């Protein structure tokens, strides 16, 4: 049996995400941040499951000047 509760509130009356995050432990906040980072990377660069290059990369360019 599904006992999910849903409550509609006006946007001005909705609790802030900041208050919700502050009530969580720092481990839970870091887990949420990592999950957001992974979702963004998958969205931005396509799904690269198992690809070593899924993390942040640096690009260097050498410019010869006179």
N, C-alpha and C. Protein backbone atom coordinates (compact mmCIF):
# COMPACT_ATOMS: atom_id res chain seq x y z
N UNK A 1 0.84 -1.16 0.00
CA UNK A 1 0.00 0.00 0.00
C UNK A 1 0.90 1.25 0.00
N UNK A 2 0.63 2.17 -0.90
CA UNK A 2 1.40 3.40 -1.01
C UNK A 2 0.81 4.45 -0.07
N UNK A 3 1.62 4.94 0.87
CA UNK A 3 1.14 5.93 1.83
C UNK A 3 1.86 7.26 1.65
N UNK A 4 2.12 7.63 0.41
CA UNK A 4 2.79 8.89 0.12
C UNK A 4 1.83 10.04 0.35
N UNK A 5 2.32 11.07 1.00
CA UNK A 5 1.50 12.26 1.23
C UNK A 5 2.02 13.39 0.36
N UNK A 6 1.09 14.10 -0.24
CA UNK A 6 1.43 15.25 -1.07
C UNK A 6 0.62 16.43 -0.57
N UNK A 7 1.28 17.58 -0.45
CA UNK A 7 0.59 18.77 0.03
C UNK A 7 0.95 19.92 -0.90
N UNK A 8 -0.06 20.60 -1.42
CA UNK A 8 0.16 21.76 -2.28
C UNK A 8 0.26 23.00 -1.41
N UNK A 9 1.28 23.82 -1.68
CA UNK A 9 1.44 25.09 -0.97
C UNK A 9 1.76 26.16 -2.00
N UNK A 10 1.47 27.39 -1.63
CA UNK A 10 1.83 28.51 -2.50
C UNK A 10 3.35 28.65 -2.51
N UNK A 11 3.89 29.15 -3.60
CA UNK A 11 5.33 29.28 -3.75
C UNK A 11 5.94 30.11 -2.61
N UNK A 12 5.24 31.16 -2.20
CA UNK A 12 5.76 32.01 -1.13
C UNK A 12 5.76 31.29 0.22
N UNK A 13 4.93 30.27 0.38
CA UNK A 13 4.83 29.55 1.64
C UNK A 13 5.69 28.29 1.69
N UNK A 14 6.31 27.95 0.58
CA UNK A 14 7.10 26.73 0.50
C UNK A 14 8.39 26.88 1.31
N UNK A 15 8.79 25.82 2.02
CA UNK A 15 10.06 25.91 2.76
C UNK A 15 11.23 26.02 1.79
N UNK A 16 12.27 26.71 2.21
CA UNK A 16 13.41 26.91 1.31
C UNK A 16 14.28 25.66 1.26
N UNK A 17 14.94 25.45 0.13
CA UNK A 17 15.89 24.34 0.00
C UNK A 17 17.07 24.53 0.95
N UNK A 18 17.44 25.78 1.17
CA UNK A 18 18.57 26.07 2.05
C UNK A 18 18.29 25.55 3.46
N UNK A 19 17.09 25.82 3.97
CA UNK A 19 16.74 25.36 5.32
C UNK A 19 16.73 23.84 5.38
N UNK A 20 16.23 23.20 4.34
CA UNK A 20 16.22 21.74 4.30
C UNK A 20 17.64 21.19 4.31
N UNK A 21 18.51 21.75 3.49
CA UNK A 21 19.90 21.27 3.41
C UNK A 21 20.64 21.50 4.73
N UNK A 22 20.37 22.62 5.39
CA UNK A 22 21.06 22.92 6.65
C UNK A 22 20.65 21.96 7.76
N UNK A 23 19.47 21.36 7.63
CA UNK A 23 19.02 20.43 8.66
C UNK A 23 19.65 19.04 8.48
N UNK A 24 20.31 18.81 7.33
CA UNK A 24 20.94 17.52 7.06
C UNK A 24 22.40 17.53 7.50
N UNK A 25 22.95 16.34 7.68
CA UNK A 25 24.36 16.24 8.05
C UNK A 25 25.23 16.62 6.84
N UNK A 26 26.48 16.96 7.12
CA UNK A 26 27.36 17.35 6.00
C UNK A 26 27.61 16.18 5.06
N UNK A 27 27.57 14.94 5.57
CA UNK A 27 27.75 13.77 4.69
C UNK A 27 26.61 13.69 3.67
N UNK A 28 25.38 13.91 4.13
CA UNK A 28 24.22 13.87 3.23
C UNK A 28 24.28 15.01 2.22
N UNK A 29 24.74 16.19 2.66
CA UNK A 29 24.86 17.32 1.73
C UNK A 29 25.92 17.05 0.67
N UNK A 30 27.05 16.43 1.07
CA UNK A 30 28.09 16.09 0.10
C UNK A 30 27.60 15.02 -0.88
N UNK A 31 26.84 14.04 -0.39
CA UNK A 31 26.28 13.02 -1.27
C UNK A 31 25.34 13.66 -2.30
N UNK A 32 24.50 14.59 -1.85
CA UNK A 32 23.59 15.28 -2.77
C UNK A 32 24.37 16.10 -3.79
N UNK A 33 25.42 16.77 -3.35
CA UNK A 33 26.25 17.56 -4.27
C UNK A 33 26.91 16.67 -5.32
N UNK A 34 27.43 15.53 -4.91
CA UNK A 34 28.06 14.61 -5.85
C UNK A 34 27.05 14.07 -6.85
N UNK A 35 25.84 13.77 -6.38
CA UNK A 35 24.78 13.27 -7.27
C UNK A 35 24.41 14.35 -8.31
N UNK A 36 24.32 15.60 -7.87
CA UNK A 36 24.03 16.71 -8.79
C UNK A 36 25.15 16.86 -9.81
N UNK A 37 26.42 16.76 -9.34
CA UNK A 37 27.56 16.88 -10.25
C UNK A 37 27.54 15.79 -11.30
N UNK A 38 27.25 14.55 -10.89
CA UNK A 38 27.19 13.44 -11.84
C UNK A 38 26.06 13.61 -12.84
N UNK A 39 24.89 14.08 -12.38
CA UNK A 39 23.77 14.31 -13.29
C UNK A 39 24.10 15.40 -14.30
N UNK A 40 24.75 16.47 -13.83
CA UNK A 40 25.13 17.56 -14.74
C UNK A 40 26.15 17.07 -15.77
N UNK A 41 27.14 16.31 -15.33
CA UNK A 41 28.16 15.80 -16.25
C UNK A 41 27.53 14.89 -17.29
N UNK A 42 26.61 14.03 -16.87
CA UNK A 42 25.93 13.14 -17.81
C UNK A 42 25.10 13.95 -18.80
N UNK A 43 24.43 15.00 -18.33
CA UNK A 43 23.62 15.83 -19.21
C UNK A 43 24.49 16.62 -20.18
N UNK A 44 25.56 17.21 -19.67
CA UNK A 44 26.42 18.07 -20.49
C UNK A 44 27.22 17.28 -21.52
N UNK A 45 27.74 16.13 -21.14
CA UNK A 45 28.65 15.39 -22.00
C UNK A 45 28.07 14.07 -22.49
N UNK A 46 26.82 13.83 -22.24
CA UNK A 46 26.22 12.56 -22.63
C UNK A 46 26.59 11.49 -21.63
N UNK A 47 25.89 10.41 -21.69
CA UNK A 47 26.14 9.32 -20.75
C UNK A 47 27.43 8.61 -21.13
N UNK A 48 28.41 8.61 -20.22
CA UNK A 48 29.70 7.95 -20.47
C UNK A 48 29.97 6.97 -19.34
N UNK A 49 29.02 6.12 -19.03
CA UNK A 49 29.21 5.15 -17.95
C UNK A 49 30.44 4.30 -18.24
N UNK A 50 31.30 4.17 -17.26
CA UNK A 50 32.49 3.35 -17.40
C UNK A 50 33.64 4.05 -18.10
N UNK A 51 33.41 5.24 -18.61
CA UNK A 51 34.46 5.98 -19.29
C UNK A 51 35.33 6.67 -18.24
N UNK A 52 36.62 6.54 -18.38
CA UNK A 52 37.55 7.12 -17.41
C UNK A 52 37.48 8.64 -17.45
N UNK A 53 37.11 9.23 -18.58
CA UNK A 53 37.15 10.67 -18.77
C UNK A 53 35.90 11.39 -18.25
N UNK A 54 35.08 10.77 -17.42
CA UNK A 54 33.86 11.43 -16.97
C UNK A 54 34.12 12.54 -15.97
N UNK A 55 35.28 12.57 -15.35
CA UNK A 55 35.59 13.63 -14.39
C UNK A 55 35.98 14.92 -15.08
N UNK A 56 36.33 15.90 -14.29
CA UNK A 56 36.75 17.17 -14.85
C UNK A 56 38.12 17.01 -15.51
N UNK A 57 38.31 17.71 -16.60
CA UNK A 57 39.56 17.62 -17.34
C UNK A 57 40.14 19.02 -17.51
N UNK A 58 41.41 19.08 -17.79
CA UNK A 58 42.05 20.34 -18.12
C UNK A 58 42.49 20.29 -19.57
N UNK A 59 42.40 21.41 -20.23
CA UNK A 59 42.83 21.52 -21.62
C UNK A 59 43.89 22.60 -21.66
N UNK A 60 45.06 22.25 -22.22
CA UNK A 60 46.15 23.20 -22.34
C UNK A 60 46.36 23.53 -23.80
N UNK A 61 46.69 24.77 -24.06
CA UNK A 61 46.98 25.21 -25.42
C UNK A 61 48.29 25.98 -25.38
N UNK A 62 49.22 25.58 -26.24
CA UNK A 62 50.51 26.26 -26.31
C UNK A 62 50.47 27.23 -27.47
N UNK A 63 50.78 28.48 -27.16
CA UNK A 63 50.74 29.53 -28.18
C UNK A 63 52.16 30.08 -28.30
N UNK A 64 52.69 30.07 -29.51
CA UNK A 64 54.01 30.63 -29.74
C UNK A 64 53.87 32.11 -30.03
N UNK A 65 54.66 32.91 -29.30
CA UNK A 65 54.64 34.35 -29.50
C UNK A 65 55.98 34.81 -30.03
N UNK A 66 55.96 35.88 -30.77
CA UNK A 66 57.20 36.43 -31.31
C UNK A 66 57.89 37.29 -30.30
